[in-house]
């Protein structure tokens, strides 16, 4: 069933520097002729907006939490929903039944219910035909409840890996059961969804990759020696302390190695101290958040991208580096191996292991022919399976046709 009106895209914070893949997806769907409006639970701090495109998206995005905290706005939304008391009570019961254990969990689900009331009112006023959610945790709960209140069908994109650590807490099985379809970003994500859902709903689980725009990286120059790049949140899950220690170890054999860190987060101050303690002052540069164009420029000045994460889905930053014909060094976690072929488009190492990471850095340093060959293989892999426009077309097919058809990405003409 083709959506008969505009679509609503919802996530916890939109737009922001760390989730540019959602923005690319929205843009690609709009280019395909779909009308997509955006909603965000929280208003992202302006410091997390990079570039004029994100600032324009932020200005056009509807923000739920601040509306739900407005007494007049939440009262109006509640009164509107009470025109259909059965739906209202069913959604309230659903919020209570799917709440995490304990008083805190119940309280949070009641907050999500209030946000869902506001979203349902907004969707009905805007004539929204279908609701889609990214990051299926708290915003996924809001989407599920708003769909129940309004009767507007919903779907979601399942990323992971953190939701797979607490599937019952986030009622993942219930969300899958109630969704029209689920776009899983990898085979790994789909397998986890199968593990935590009833087999009767497995036909809804389709692989739709996050993607990049390869054209941004068409003119990547040859890779220089000894310049490594990390792009991501400076948070515990990214394993940056392991990266700094591995770099210090690798520099014992190749002192020219340098590292640029693009991103920000709660661990930045600690990482700056650690870099100093390891004697890496002047070797490691902290750049903070950069926009897509600036990241593309940084990729043009690096020899390899390094991502030492402890847990991942399929990292978009790896796609960006591979689209720029840069080899990647990454940990073998989550769906990373679905993107990076070890020894072909990059090198995969165990998570948390300094010595193998240092050895991988040294293996690519000074070997321009090997880096060029890996870069070419990586770009070909991204063009074949992780192009944002092609993946948006697959998502558009699910929106048009529903969950029937192949669960793996089929070739597009």
Foldseek 3Di string as FASTA:
>chain_A
DFQPAAEEEEEAEPDFLFPCLVVLLQVLLVVVVGHYAYEHQAYDDPLRQADPVRVVNSVRYHYQLVQLPDVVSLVVLVVVLCVPVVLLVVLLVVLQVLFADDPVSSVLSVSLLSSLSNVLVVCVVRVHQEYEYEDCASRVSSRLSNCSSNVRAYEYEFWDDPCLVPVSNRVLQVSLVRHLAYAYQFPLRLVSSPVNYDPVRSLRAAHQHRFDALVLQPPQDFADFQEEEEEHAPDVQQQVLLVLVLVLVLCVVPVSHAYEYEAYYDCVVVVVVSCVVSVCVVRYHYDHHHHPSVVSVVLSHHQEYETQGPAGAARHVLLSNLSNLFAYEYEPHHRPCVQAPDQQQYHYDHHPDSNVSSVRSVVRGPPRVSRNRSSVRNSVSNVQRHHSSLSSVVVSCCSGPTSDDDRYDDDDD
